[in-house]
PDB file of N, CA and C in Angstrom:
ATOM      1  N   MET A   1      27.440   8.372  13.995  1.00  0.00           N
ATOM      2  CA  MET A   1      26.821   8.895  15.297  1.00  0.00           C
ATOM      3  C   MET A   1      27.682   7.902  16.558  1.00  0.00           C
ATOM      4  N   VAL A   2      28.552   6.760  15.676  1.00  0.00           N
ATOM      5  CA  VAL A   2      29.530   5.892  16.751  1.00  0.00           C
ATOM      6  C   VAL A   2      30.697   7.073  17.096  1.00  0.00           C
ATOM      7  N   ALA A   3      30.810   7.812  16.042  1.00  0.00           N
ATOM      8  CA  ALA A   3      31.776   8.994  16.749  1.00  0.00           C
ATOM      9  C   ALA A   3      31.407   9.745  17.460  1.00  0.00           C
ATOM     10  N   LEU A   4      30.320  10.617  17.671  1.00  0.00           N
ATOM     11  CA  LEU A   4      29.431  11.213  18.507  1.00  0.00           C
ATOM     12  C   LEU A   4      29.676  10.410  20.026  1.00  0.00           C
ATOM     13  N   TYR A   5      29.155   9.009  20.142  1.00  0.00           N
ATOM     14  CA  TYR A   5      29.034   7.941  21.292  1.00  0.00           C
ATOM     15  C   TYR A   5      30.484   8.235  22.082  1.00  0.00           C
ATOM     16  N   PHE A   6      31.753   8.090  20.956  1.00  0.00           N
ATOM     17  CA  PHE A   6      33.093   8.114  21.578  1.00  0.00           C
ATOM     18  C   PHE A   6      33.490   9.269  22.567  1.00  0.00           C
ATOM     19  N   TRP A   7      32.667  10.659  21.728  1.00  0.00           N
ATOM     20  CA  TRP A   7      33.143  11.666  22.078  1.00  0.00           C
ATOM     21  C   TRP A   7      32.186  12.666  23.389  1.00  0.00           C
ATOM     22  N   ILE A   8      31.274  12.173  23.333  1.00  0.00           N
ATOM     23  CA  ILE A   8      30.460  12.064  24.628  1.00  0.00           C
ATOM     24  C   ILE A   8      30.610  11.602  25.522  1.00  0.00           C
ATOM     25  N   THR A   9      30.660  10.273  25.463  1.00  0.00           N
ATOM     26  CA  THR A   9      31.430   9.607  26.752  1.00  0.00           C
ATOM     27  C   THR A   9      32.885   9.358  26.802  1.00  0.00           C
ATOM     28  N   GLU A  10      33.196  10.321  26.085  1.00  0.00           N
ATOM     29  CA  GLU A  10      34.894  10.485  26.591  1.00  0.00           C
ATOM     30  C   GLU A  10      35.732   9.040  26.565  1.00  0.00           C
ATOM     31  N   LYS A  11      35.417   8.298  25.654  1.00  0.00           N
ATOM     32  CA  LYS A  11      35.998   6.791  25.701  1.00  0.00           C
ATOM     33  C   LYS A  11      37.395   6.782  25.084  1.00  0.00           C
ATOM     34  N   ASN A  12      37.172   7.676  24.129  1.00  0.00           N
ATOM     35  CA  ASN A  12      38.632   7.800  23.172  1.00  0.00           C
ATOM     36  C   ASN A  12      38.522   8.839  21.855  1.00  0.00           C
ATOM     37  N   PHE A  13      39.059   9.847  22.460  1.00  0.00           N
ATOM     38  CA  PHE A  13      38.830  10.863  21.821  1.00  0.00           C
ATOM     39  C   PHE A  13      39.630  11.349  20.215  1.00  0.00           C
ATOM     40  N   VAL A  14      41.045  10.215  20.326  1.00  0.00           N
ATOM     41  CA  VAL A  14      41.848  10.112  19.006  1.00  0.00           C
ATOM     42  C   VAL A  14      40.371   9.178  17.685  1.00  0.00           C
ATOM     43  N   VAL A  15      39.852   7.865  18.742  1.00  0.00           N
ATOM     44  CA  VAL A  15      39.079   7.446  17.902  1.00  0.00           C
ATOM     45  C   VAL A  15      37.626   7.944  17.272  1.00  0.00           C
ATOM     46  N   ALA A  16      37.245   9.255  17.795  1.00  0.00           N
ATOM     47  CA  ALA A  16      36.252  10.001  17.311  1.00  0.00           C
ATOM     48  C   ALA A  16      36.355  11.089  16.423  1.00  0.00           C
ATOM     49  N   VAL A  17      37.701  11.467  16.781  1.00  0.00           N
ATOM     50  CA  VAL A  17      38.331  12.385  15.381  1.00  0.00           C
ATOM     51  C   VAL A  17      38.271  11.794  14.159  1.00  0.00           C
ATOM     52  N   ALA A  18      39.114  10.223  14.367  1.00  0.00           N
ATOM     53  CA  ALA A  18      39.470   9.820  13.319  1.00  0.00           C
ATOM     54  C   ALA A  18      38.089   9.211  12.474  1.00  0.00           C
ATOM     55  N   LEU A  19      36.515   8.770  13.482  1.00  0.00           N
ATOM     56  CA  LEU A  19      35.829   8.547  12.848  1.00  0.00           C
ATOM     57  C   LEU A  19      34.792   9.776  12.601  1.00  0.00           C
ATOM     58  N   PHE A  20      35.121  10.685  12.781  1.00  0.00           N
ATOM     59  CA  PHE A  20      34.493  11.982  12.162  1.00  0.00           C
ATOM     60  C   PHE A  20      35.247  12.315  11.022  1.00  0.00           C
ATOM     61  N   ILE A  21      36.331  11.994  10.389  1.00  0.00           N
ATOM     62  CA  ILE A  21      36.906  12.149   9.668  1.00  0.00           C
ATOM     63  C   ILE A  21      36.303  10.915   8.536  1.00  0.00           C
ATOM     64  N   ALA A  22      36.601   9.836   9.066  1.00  0.00           N
ATOM     65  CA  ALA A  22      36.343   8.636   7.798  1.00  0.00           C
ATOM     66  C   ALA A  22      34.492   8.997   7.373  1.00  0.00           C
ATOM     67  N   ALA A  23      33.474   9.409   8.383  1.00  0.00           N
ATOM     68  CA  ALA A  23      32.184   9.838   7.776  1.00  0.00           C
ATOM     69  C   ALA A  23      32.267  11.003   7.006  1.00  0.00           C
ATOM     70  N   THR A  24      33.380  12.132   7.139  1.00  0.00           N
ATOM     71  CA  THR A  24      33.050  12.844   6.501  1.00  0.00           C
ATOM     72  C   THR A  24      33.719  12.557   5.103  1.00  0.00           C
ATOM     73  N   LEU A  25      34.310  11.874   4.940  1.00  0.00           N
ATOM     74  CA  LEU A  25      34.639  11.417   3.763  1.00  0.00           C
ATOM     75  C   LEU A  25      33.983  10.070   3.087  1.00  0.00           C
ATOM     76  N   CYS A  26      32.782   9.577   3.713  1.00  0.00           N
ATOM     77  CA  CYS A  26      32.156   8.783   3.097  1.00  0.00           C
ATOM     78  C   CYS A  26      30.654   9.370   2.377  1.00  0.00           C
ATOM     79  N   LYS A  27      30.512  10.442   3.558  1.00  0.00           N
ATOM     80  CA  LYS A  27      29.365  10.915   2.803  1.00  0.00           C
ATOM     81  C   LYS A  27      29.448  12.487   3.721  1.00  0.00           C
ATOM     82  N   GLN A  28      29.629  13.351   3.083  1.00  0.00           N
ATOM     83  CA  GLN A  28      30.016  14.422   3.423  1.00  0.00           C
ATOM     84  C   GLN A  28      29.044  15.320   4.196  1.00  0.00           C
ATOM     85  N   THR A  29      27.715  15.156   3.798  1.00  0.00           N
ATOM     86  CA  THR A  29      27.315  16.029   4.931  1.00  0.00           C
ATOM     87  C   THR A  29      27.489  15.203   6.400  1.00  0.00           C
ATOM     88  N   SER A  30      27.713  14.205   6.201  1.00  0.00           N
ATOM     89  CA  SER A  30      28.451  14.121   8.038  1.00  0.00           C
ATOM     90  C   SER A  30      28.907  14.317   8.452  1.00  0.00           C
ATOM     91  N   ALA A  31      29.546  15.660   7.836  1.00  0.00           N
ATOM     92  CA  ALA A  31      30.472  16.533   8.844  1.00  0.00           C
ATOM     93  C   ALA A  31      29.665  17.573   9.412  1.00  0.00           C
ATOM     94  N   ALA A  32      28.547  17.440   9.676  1.00  0.00           N
ATOM     95  CA  ALA A  32      27.480  18.149  10.259  1.00  0.00           C
ATOM     96  C   ALA A  32      27.762  17.854  11.704  1.00  0.00           C
ATOM     97  N   PHE A  33      27.662  16.475  11.282  1.00  0.00           N
ATOM     98  CA  PHE A  33      27.753  15.625  13.123  1.00  0.00           C
ATOM     99  C   PHE A  33      28.983  16.344  14.030  1.00  0.00           C
ATOM    100  N   ALA A  34      30.305  17.036  13.255  1.00  0.00           N
ATOM    101  CA  ALA A  34      31.147  17.704  14.347  1.00  0.00           C
ATOM    102  C   ALA A  34      30.596  18.517  14.445  1.00  0.00           C
ATOM    103  N   LEU A  35      29.907  19.303  14.271  1.00  0.00           N
ATOM    104  CA  LEU A  35      29.338  20.476  14.647  1.00  0.00           C
ATOM    105  C   LEU A  35      28.476  20.457  16.249  1.00  0.00           C
ATOM    106  N   ILE A  36      28.096  19.360  16.239  1.00  0.00           N
ATOM    107  CA  ILE A  36      27.297  18.749  17.788  1.00  0.00           C
ATOM    108  C   ILE A  36      27.961  19.219  18.856  1.00  0.00           C
ATOM    109  N   PRO A  37      29.190  18.864  19.096  1.00  0.00           N
ATOM    110  CA  PRO A  37      30.193  18.912  20.193  1.00  0.00           C
ATOM    111  C   PRO A  37      30.210  20.865  20.481  1.00  0.00           C
ATOM    112  N   ILE A  38      30.270  21.111  19.575  1.00  0.00           N
ATOM    113  CA  ILE A  38      30.628  22.970  19.657  1.00  0.00           C
ATOM    114  C   ILE A  38      29.638  23.554  19.809  1.00  0.00           C
ATOM    115  N   VAL A  39      28.120  22.843  19.581  1.00  0.00           N
ATOM    116  CA  VAL A  39      26.792  23.880  19.595  1.00  0.00           C
ATOM    117  C   VAL A  39      26.521  23.599  21.579  1.00  0.00           C
ATOM    118  N   HIS A  40      26.485  21.988  21.436  1.00  0.00           N
ATOM    119  CA  HIS A  40      26.836  21.396  22.773  1.00  0.00           C
ATOM    120  C   HIS A  40      27.604  22.463  23.865  1.00  0.00           C
ATOM    121  N   ALA A  41      28.588  22.801  23.251  1.00  0.00           N
ATOM    122  CA  ALA A  41      29.257  23.606  24.296  1.00  0.00           C
ATOM    123  C   ALA A  41      28.701  25.016  24.727  1.00  0.00           C
ATOM    124  N   LEU A  42      28.277  25.824  23.329  1.00  0.00           N
ATOM    125  CA  LEU A  42      28.272  26.974  22.987  1.00  0.00           C
ATOM    126  C   LEU A  42      26.498  27.100  23.926  1.00  0.00           C
ATOM    127  N   ARG A  43      25.836  25.916  24.211  1.00  0.00           N
ATOM    128  CA  ARG A  43      24.243  26.034  24.515  1.00  0.00           C
ATOM    129  C   ARG A  43      24.293  25.636  25.779  1.00  0.00           C
ATOM    130  N   TRP A  44      25.401  24.905  26.043  1.00  0.00           N
ATOM    131  CA  TRP A  44      24.415  23.945  27.609  1.00  0.00           C
ATOM    132  C   TRP A  44      26.097  24.180  28.484  1.00  0.00           C
ATOM    133  N   LYS A  45      27.225  24.346  28.195  1.00  0.00           N
ATOM    134  CA  LYS A  45      27.988  24.584  29.332  1.00  0.00           C
ATOM    135  C   LYS A  45      28.379  26.021  29.815  1.00  0.00           C
ATOM    136  N   ARG A  46      27.388  26.272  31.120  1.00  0.00           N
ATOM    137  CA  ARG A  46      27.807  27.597  31.555  1.00  0.00           C
ATOM    138  C   ARG A  46      28.619  27.145  32.653  1.00  0.00           C
ATOM    139  N   PRO A  47      29.365  27.907  33.378  1.00  0.00           N
ATOM    140  CA  PRO A  47      29.724  29.441  32.093  1.00  0.00           C
ATOM    141  C   PRO A  47      31.053  29.029  31.628  1.00  0.00           C
ATOM    142  N   LEU A  48      30.602  28.863  29.989  1.00  0.00           N
ATOM    143  CA  LEU A  48      31.582  28.713  29.066  1.00  0.00           C
ATOM    144  C   LEU A  48      32.714  29.291  29.379  1.00  0.00           C
ATOM    145  N   GLN A  49      33.760  28.302  29.400  1.00  0.00           N
ATOM    146  CA  GLN A  49      35.246  28.110  29.650  1.00  0.00           C
ATOM    147  C   GLN A  49      36.029  28.000  28.307  1.00  0.00           C
ATOM    148  N   LEU A  50      36.804  28.849  28.209  1.00  0.00           N
ATOM    149  CA  LEU A  50      37.843  28.526  27.300  1.00  0.00           C
ATOM    150  C   LEU A  50      38.043  27.229  26.382  1.00  0.00           C
ATOM    151  N   ARG A  51      38.523  26.319  27.713  1.00  0.00           N
ATOM    152  CA  ARG A  51      38.773  25.289  27.448  1.00  0.00           C
ATOM    153  C   ARG A  51      37.933  24.255  27.291  1.00  0.00           C
ATOM    154  N   HIS A  52      36.667  24.043  27.348  1.00  0.00           N
ATOM    155  CA  HIS A  52      35.204  23.763  26.932  1.00  0.00           C
ATOM    156  C   HIS A  52      35.162  24.008  25.362  1.00  0.00           C
ATOM    157  N   LEU A  53      35.657  25.325  25.272  1.00  0.00           N
ATOM    158  CA  LEU A  53      35.466  25.717  23.661  1.00  0.00           C
ATOM    159  C   LEU A  53      36.509  24.790  22.592  1.00  0.00           C
ATOM    160  N   ALA A  54      37.861  25.468  23.295  1.00  0.00           N
ATOM    161  CA  ALA A  54      38.668  24.713  22.018  1.00  0.00           C
ATOM    162  C   ALA A  54      38.658  23.048  22.163  1.00  0.00           C
ATOM    163  N   ILE A  55      38.145  22.266  23.191  1.00  0.00           N
ATOM    164  CA  ILE A  55      38.176  20.467  23.378  1.00  0.00           C
ATOM    165  C   ILE A  55      36.803  20.514  22.126  1.00  0.00           C
ATOM    166  N   ALA A  56      35.486  21.563  21.989  1.00  0.00           N
ATOM    167  CA  ALA A  56      35.277  20.940  21.293  1.00  0.00           C
ATOM    168  C   ALA A  56      34.748  21.274  20.036  1.00  0.00           C
ATOM    169  N   LEU A  57      35.868  22.348  19.597  1.00  0.00           N
ATOM    170  CA  LEU A  57      36.387  22.443  18.307  1.00  0.00           C
ATOM    171  C   LEU A  57      37.386  21.221  17.552  1.00  0.00           C
ATOM    172  N   VAL A  58      37.869  20.473  18.049  1.00  0.00           N
ATOM    173  CA  VAL A  58      38.668  19.670  17.498  1.00  0.00           C
ATOM    174  C   VAL A  58      37.956  18.308  16.962  1.00  0.00           C
ATOM    175  N   PRO A  59      36.743  18.450  16.774  1.00  0.00           N
ATOM    176  CA  PRO A  59      35.848  17.563  15.574  1.00  0.00           C
ATOM    177  C   PRO A  59      36.026  18.029  14.167  1.00  0.00           C
ATOM    178  N   THR A  60      35.586  19.910  14.087  1.00  0.00           N
ATOM    179  CA  THR A  60      35.496  20.285  13.639  1.00  0.00           C
ATOM    180  C   THR A  60      36.683  20.741  12.263  1.00  0.00           C
ATOM    181  N   MET A  61      37.656  21.533  13.305  1.00  0.00           N
ATOM    182  CA  MET A  61      38.649  21.508  12.827  1.00  0.00           C
ATOM    183  C   MET A  61      39.476  20.422  12.432  1.00  0.00           C
ATOM    184  N   SER A  62      39.387  19.047  12.899  1.00  0.00           N
ATOM    185  CA  SER A  62      40.144  18.406  12.174  1.00  0.00           C
ATOM    186  C   SER A  62      39.694  17.510  10.481  1.00  0.00           C
ATOM    187  N   ILE A  63      38.393  18.088  10.553  1.00  0.00           N
ATOM    188  CA  ILE A  63      37.670  17.967   9.568  1.00  0.00           C
ATOM    189  C   ILE A  63      38.006  18.792   8.427  1.00  0.00           C
ATOM    190  N   LEU A  64      38.125  20.233   8.627  1.00  0.00           N
ATOM    191  CA  LEU A  64      38.908  21.363   7.494  1.00  0.00           C
ATOM    192  C   LEU A  64      40.156  20.559   7.389  1.00  0.00           C
ATOM    193  N   LEU A  65      40.938  20.595   8.449  1.00  0.00           N
ATOM    194  CA  LEU A  65      42.392  19.767   8.626  1.00  0.00           C
ATOM    195  C   LEU A  65      42.974  18.981   7.341  1.00  0.00           C
ATOM    196  N   ALA A  66      41.699  17.989   7.396  1.00  0.00           N
ATOM    197  CA  ALA A  66      41.854  16.573   6.624  1.00  0.00           C
ATOM    198  C   ALA A  66      41.527  17.180   4.909  1.00  0.00           C
ATOM    199  N   LEU A  67      40.395  17.881   5.540  1.00  0.00           N
ATOM    200  CA  LEU A  67      39.938  18.863   3.778  1.00  0.00           C
ATOM    201  C   LEU A  67      41.071  19.053   3.070  1.00  0.00           C
ATOM    202  N   GLY A  68      41.802  20.190   4.158  1.00  0.00           N
ATOM    203  CA  GLY A  68      42.855  21.016   3.888  1.00  0.00           C
ATOM    204  C   GLY A  68      44.040  20.333   2.994  1.00  0.00           C
ATOM    205  N   ALA A  69      44.773  18.912   3.697  1.00  0.00           N
ATOM    206  CA  ALA A  69      45.515  18.322   3.304  1.00  0.00           C
ATOM    207  C   ALA A  69      45.174  17.144   1.651  1.00  0.00           C
ATOM    208  N   ILE A  70      44.063  17.131   1.828  1.00  0.00           N
ATOM    209  CA  ILE A  70      43.050  16.512   0.768  1.00  0.00           C
ATOM    210  C   ILE A  70      43.681  17.960  -0.491  1.00  0.00           C
ATOM    211  N   ARG A  71      43.031  18.585  -0.559  1.00  0.00           N
ATOM    212  CA  ARG A  71      43.651  19.630  -1.019  1.00  0.00           C
ATOM    213  C   ARG A  71      44.592  19.932  -2.339  1.00  0.00           C
ATOM    214  N   PHE A  72      45.772  19.703  -0.804  1.00  0.00           N
ATOM    215  CA  PHE A  72      47.002  20.170  -1.619  1.00  0.00           C
ATOM    216  C   PHE A  72      47.643  18.648  -2.067  1.00  0.00           C
ATOM    217  N   ILE A  73      47.332  17.341  -1.392  1.00  0.00           N
ATOM    218  CA  ILE A  73      47.903  16.098  -1.353  1.00  0.00           C
ATOM    219  C   ILE A  73      47.461  15.919  -3.027  1.00  0.00           C
ATOM    220  N   TRP A  74      45.938  15.928  -2.856  1.00  0.00           N
ATOM    221  CA  TRP A  74      45.162  15.390  -4.805  1.00  0.00           C
ATOM    222  C   TRP A  74      43.573  16.618  -4.057  1.00  0.00           C
ATOM    223  N   PRO A  75      44.613  17.293  -5.599  1.00  0.00           N
ATOM    224  CA  PRO A  75      43.298  18.690  -5.755  1.00  0.00           C
ATOM    225  C   PRO A  75      42.068  17.681  -6.569  1.00  0.00           C
ATOM    226  N   GLU A  76      42.452  17.041  -7.341  1.00  0.00           N
ATOM    227  CA  GLU A  76      41.074  16.098  -8.074  1.00  0.00           C
ATOM    228  C   GLU A  76      40.202  15.483  -7.196  1.00  0.00           C
ATOM    229  N   MET A  77      40.440  15.237  -6.193  1.00  0.00           N
ATOM    230  CA  MET A  77      39.531  14.338  -5.468  1.00  0.00           C
ATOM    231  C   MET A  77      39.176  15.750  -4.558  1.00  0.00           C
ATOM    232  N   PHE A  78      39.547  16.489  -3.680  1.00  0.00           N
ATOM    233  CA  PHE A  78      39.066  17.880  -3.160  1.00  0.00           C
ATOM    234  C   PHE A  78      38.305  17.936  -4.057  1.00  0.00           C
ATOM    235  N   ALA A  79      38.305  18.404  -5.452  1.00  0.00           N
ATOM    236  CA  ALA A  79      37.156  18.946  -6.196  1.00  0.00           C
ATOM    237  C   ALA A  79      35.924  18.338  -6.360  1.00  0.00           C
ATOM    238  N   ALA A  80      35.853  16.672  -6.145  1.00  0.00           N
ATOM    239  CA  ALA A  80      35.157  15.595  -6.357  1.00  0.00           C
ATOM    240  C   ALA A  80      34.427  15.449  -5.740  1.00  0.00           C
ATOM    241  N   ILE A  81      34.946  16.022  -4.094  1.00  0.00           N
ATOM    242  CA  ILE A  81      33.919  15.595  -2.943  1.00  0.00           C
ATOM    243  C   ILE A  81      33.780  16.985  -2.129  1.00  0.00           C
ATOM    244  N   VAL A  82      34.318  17.983  -2.412  1.00  0.00           N
ATOM    245  CA  VAL A  82      33.573  19.771  -1.954  1.00  0.00           C
ATOM    246  C   VAL A  82      33.120  20.665  -3.070  1.00  0.00           C
ATOM    247  N   THR A  83      34.145  20.480  -4.015  1.00  0.00           N
ATOM    248  CA  THR A  83      33.673  21.294  -4.987  1.00  0.00           C
ATOM    249  C   THR A  83      32.142  21.357  -5.712  1.00  0.00           C
ATOM    250  N   VAL A  84      32.469  19.818  -6.152  1.00  0.00           N
ATOM    251  CA  VAL A  84      31.028  19.387  -7.554  1.00  0.00           C
ATOM    252  C   VAL A  84      30.051  19.862  -6.566  1.00  0.00           C
ATOM    253  N   PRO A  85      29.936  18.667  -5.323  1.00  0.00           N
ATOM    254  CA  PRO A  85      28.354  19.300  -4.360  1.00  0.00           C
ATOM    255  C   PRO A  85      28.250  20.783  -4.392  1.00  0.00           C
ATOM    256  N   ALA A  86      28.954  21.363  -4.235  1.00  0.00           N
ATOM    257  CA  ALA A  86      29.280  22.536  -3.484  1.00  0.00           C
ATOM    258  C   ALA A  86      28.664  23.687  -4.378  1.00  0.00           C
ATOM    259  N   SER A  87      28.491  23.389  -5.879  1.00  0.00           N
ATOM    260  CA  SER A  87      27.748  23.805  -7.196  1.00  0.00           C
ATOM    261  C   SER A  87      26.631  22.767  -7.723  1.00  0.00           C
ATOM    262  N   ILE A  88      25.725  22.607  -6.794  1.00  0.00           N
ATOM    263  CA  ILE A  88      24.405  21.837  -7.355  1.00  0.00           C
ATOM    264  C   ILE A  88      23.597  23.395  -6.863  1.00  0.00           C
ATOM    265  N   LYS A  89      22.688  23.521  -7.464  1.00  0.00           N
ATOM    266  CA  LYS A  89      21.493  24.025  -6.982  1.00  0.00           C
ATOM    267  C   LYS A  89      21.057  23.939  -5.907  1.00  0.00           C
ATOM    268  N   VAL A  90      20.320  24.840  -5.027  1.00  0.00           N
ATOM    269  CA  VAL A  90      19.702  24.883  -4.180  1.00  0.00           C
ATOM    270  C   VAL A  90      18.238  26.117  -3.739  1.00  0.00           C
ATOM    271  N   TYR A  91      16.825  25.108  -4.004  1.00  0.00           N
ATOM    272  CA  TYR A  91      16.152  26.007  -3.965  1.00  0.00           C
ATOM    273  C   TYR A  91      15.085  26.045  -3.072  1.00  0.00           C
ATOM    274  N   PRO A  92      15.763  27.139  -2.294  1.00  0.00           N
ATOM    275  CA  PRO A  92      14.927  27.556  -1.252  1.00  0.00           C
ATOM    276  C   PRO A  92      12.881  27.740  -0.834  1.00  0.00           C
ATOM    277  N   ALA A  93      12.698  27.675  -2.354  1.00  0.00           N
ATOM    278  CA  ALA A  93      11.271  27.587  -2.327  1.00  0.00           C
ATOM    279  C   ALA A  93      10.607  26.209  -2.145  1.00  0.00           C
ATOM    280  N   ARG A  94      11.426  25.628  -2.198  1.00  0.00           N
ATOM    281  CA  ARG A  94      11.093  23.954  -2.058  1.00  0.00           C
ATOM    282  C   ARG A  94      10.900  23.537  -0.752  1.00  0.00           C
ATOM    283  N   ALA A  95      11.888  24.401   0.119  1.00  0.00           N
ATOM    284  CA  ALA A  95      11.575  23.775   1.802  1.00  0.00           C
ATOM    285  C   ALA A  95      10.678  23.343   2.503  1.00  0.00           C
ATOM    286  N   PHE A  96       9.567  24.330   2.107  1.00  0.00           N
ATOM    287  CA  PHE A  96       7.965  23.647   2.942  1.00  0.00           C
ATOM    288  C   PHE A  96       8.109  22.748   2.591  1.00  0.00           C
ATOM    289  N   GLY A  97       7.958  21.779   1.314  1.00  0.00           N
ATOM    290  CA  GLY A  97       7.472  20.377   0.653  1.00  0.00           C
ATOM    291  C   GLY A  97       8.173  19.840   0.717  1.00  0.00           C
ATOM    292  N   ILE A  98       9.510  19.750   0.622  1.00  0.00           N
ATOM    293  CA  ILE A  98      10.666  18.829   0.945  1.00  0.00           C
ATOM    294  C   ILE A  98      10.389  18.170   3.389  1.00  0.00           C
ATOM    295  N   ALA A  99      10.409  19.437   3.603  1.00  0.00           N
ATOM    296  CA  ALA A  99      10.136  19.142   4.835  1.00  0.00           C
ATOM    297  C   ALA A  99       8.543  18.552   4.830  1.00  0.00           C
ATOM    298  N   LEU A 100       7.425  18.674   4.273  1.00  0.00           N
ATOM    299  CA  LEU A 100       6.564  17.318   4.344  1.00  0.00           C
ATOM    300  C   LEU A 100       6.076  16.241   3.938  1.00  0.00           C
ATOM    301  N   TYR A 101       7.608  16.312   2.803  1.00  0.00           N
ATOM    302  CA  TYR A 101       7.742  15.091   2.021  1.00  0.00           C
ATOM    303  C   TYR A 101       8.458  13.972   3.311  1.00  0.00           C
ATOM    304  N   LEU A 102       9.844  14.756   4.183  1.00  0.00           N
ATOM    305  CA  LEU A 102      10.265  14.281   5.368  1.00  0.00           C
ATOM    306  C   LEU A 102       9.449  13.584   6.064  1.00  0.00           C
ATOM    307  N   LEU A 103       8.286  14.644   6.679  1.00  0.00           N
ATOM    308  CA  LEU A 103       7.400  14.023   7.697  1.00  0.00           C
ATOM    309  C   LEU A 103       6.551  12.917   7.541  1.00  0.00           C
ATOM    310  N   GLY A 104       6.100  12.800   5.954  1.00  0.00           N
ATOM    311  CA  GLY A 104       5.107  11.611   5.641  1.00  0.00           C
ATOM    312  C   GLY A 104       5.914  10.382   5.197  1.00  0.00           C
ATOM    313  N   THR A 105       6.941  10.552   4.528  1.00  0.00           N
ATOM    314  CA  THR A 105       7.979   9.875   4.729  1.00  0.00           C
ATOM    315  C   THR A 105       9.138   8.771   5.902  1.00  0.00           C
ATOM    316  N   PHE A 106       9.430   9.609   6.535  1.00  0.00           N
ATOM    317  CA  PHE A 106      10.238   9.431   7.790  1.00  0.00           C
ATOM    318  C   PHE A 106       9.571   9.249   9.102  1.00  0.00           C
ATOM    319  N   PRO A 107       8.509   9.041   9.749  1.00  0.00           N
ATOM    320  CA  PRO A 107       7.962   9.303  10.595  1.00  0.00           C
ATOM    321  C   PRO A 107       8.456   9.297  11.961  1.00  0.00           C
ATOM    322  N   LEU A 108       9.576   8.674  12.112  1.00  0.00           N
ATOM    323  CA  LEU A 108      11.089   9.361  13.198  1.00  0.00           C
ATOM    324  C   LEU A 108      10.515  10.981  13.444  1.00  0.00           C
ATOM    325  N   PHE A 109      11.145  11.899  12.049  1.00  0.00           N
ATOM    326  CA  PHE A 109      10.843  12.860  12.458  1.00  0.00           C
ATOM    327  C   PHE A 109       9.313  13.518  12.869  1.00  0.00           C
ATOM    328  N   LEU A 110       8.228  12.993  12.205  1.00  0.00           N
ATOM    329  CA  LEU A 110       7.103  13.145  13.146  1.00  0.00           C
ATOM    330  C   LEU A 110       7.475  12.966  14.651  1.00  0.00           C
ATOM    331  N   VAL A 111       7.327  11.746  15.142  1.00  0.00           N
ATOM    332  CA  VAL A 111       7.641  11.510  16.673  1.00  0.00           C
ATOM    333  C   VAL A 111       8.752  12.722  17.189  1.00  0.00           C
ATOM    334  N   ALA A 112       9.370  13.040  16.575  1.00  0.00           N
ATOM    335  CA  ALA A 112      10.697  13.845  17.001  1.00  0.00           C
ATOM    336  C   ALA A 112       9.550  15.535  17.493  1.00  0.00           C
ATOM    337  N   LEU A 113       9.454  15.871  16.524  1.00  0.00           N
ATOM    338  CA  LEU A 113       8.269  17.097  16.046  1.00  0.00           C
ATOM    339  C   LEU A 113       7.750  16.970  17.433  1.00  0.00           C
ATOM    340  N   LEU A 114       6.608  15.754  17.403  1.00  0.00           N
ATOM    341  CA  LEU A 114       5.318  15.932  18.684  1.00  0.00           C
ATOM    342  C   LEU A 114       6.319  15.845  19.729  1.00  0.00           C
ATOM    343  N   SER A 115       7.471  15.266  20.513  1.00  0.00           N
ATOM    344  CA  SER A 115       7.889  15.210  21.327  1.00  0.00           C
ATOM    345  C   SER A 115       8.532  16.297  21.832  1.00  0.00           C
ATOM    346  N   ILE A 116       9.212  17.197  20.682  1.00  0.00           N
ATOM    347  CA  ILE A 116       9.590  18.120  21.412  1.00  0.00           C
ATOM    348  C   ILE A 116       7.997  19.272  21.433  1.00  0.00           C
ATOM    349  N   LEU A 117       7.344  19.346  21.015  1.00  0.00           N
ATOM    350  CA  LEU A 117       6.390  20.018  21.311  1.00  0.00           C
ATOM    351  C   LEU A 117       5.223  19.797  22.310  1.00  0.00           C
ATOM    352  N   ARG A 118       5.456  18.281  22.778  1.00  0.00           N
ATOM    353  CA  ARG A 118       4.377  18.391  23.854  1.00  0.00           C
ATOM    354  C   ARG A 118       5.160  18.358  25.176  1.00  0.00           C
ATOM    355  N   ARG A 119       6.626  18.707  25.059  1.00  0.00           N
ATOM    356  CA  ARG A 119       7.734  19.051  26.105  1.00  0.00           C
ATOM    357  C   ARG A 119       7.020  19.845  27.447  1.00  0.00           C
ATOM    358  N   ARG A 120       7.078  19.640  28.519  1.00  0.00           N
ATOM    359  CA  ARG A 120       6.435  20.620  28.977  1.00  0.00           C
ATOM    360  C   ARG A 120       7.775  20.823  30.171  1.00  0.00           C
ATOM    361  N   VAL A 121       8.866  20.179  29.790  1.00  0.00           N
ATOM    362  CA  VAL A 121       9.508  21.253  30.724  1.00  0.00           C
ATOM    363  C   VAL A 121      10.765  21.716  29.470  1.00  0.00           C
ATOM    364  N   PRO A 122      11.547  22.542  29.946  1.00  0.00           N
ATOM    365  CA  PRO A 122      12.647  22.802  29.350  1.00  0.00           C
ATOM    366  C   PRO A 122      13.765  22.068  29.137  1.00  0.00           C
ATOM    367  N   LEU A 123      14.561  21.634  28.160  1.00  0.00           N
ATOM    368  CA  LEU A 123      15.229  20.547  28.348  1.00  0.00           C
ATOM    369  C   LEU A 123      16.850  21.833  28.782  1.00  0.00           C
ATOM    370  N   ASN A 124      17.463  20.797  30.058  1.00  0.00           N
ATOM    371  CA  ASN A 124      18.680  21.100  30.550  1.00  0.00           C
ATOM    372  C   ASN A 124      19.567  19.718  30.633  1.00  0.00           C
ATOM    373  N   ASP A 125      20.205  20.409  31.233  1.00  0.00           N
ATOM    374  CA  ASP A 125      21.575  19.303  31.499  1.00  0.00           C
ATOM    375  C   ASP A 125      21.004  18.119  32.469  1.00  0.00           C
ATOM    376  N   GLY A 126      19.709  18.496  33.457  1.00  0.00           N
ATOM    377  CA  GLY A 126      19.571  17.634  34.947  1.00  0.00           C
ATOM    378  C   GLY A 126      18.500  16.894  34.021  1.00  0.00           C
TER     379      GLY A 126
END
């Protein structure tokens, strides 16, 4: 989240990229936060310019480069942080139950869902 703050406020892109990589190495699912800039560029930057797209790709590409370097330098570590978690079985049939569980145990998800459903004006840049 701190990396996103640095990225969005354009305070220090280098620190933001370093934090994206550090977060990914600490918790692999944190890599999803690096996708937010590109989704933002694709969804809300109109007209989409190649420069905006290239800048938005930097966090994702930095994580991929870091993982590539880890695979090359330390293959055992790459297996521990990428290959082993990727082998975990996912059960799509349980998605609905897990969604209900999340709504029940983390009220913040329910507040967010209600705020989205009650919103009368579309989300936009203004």
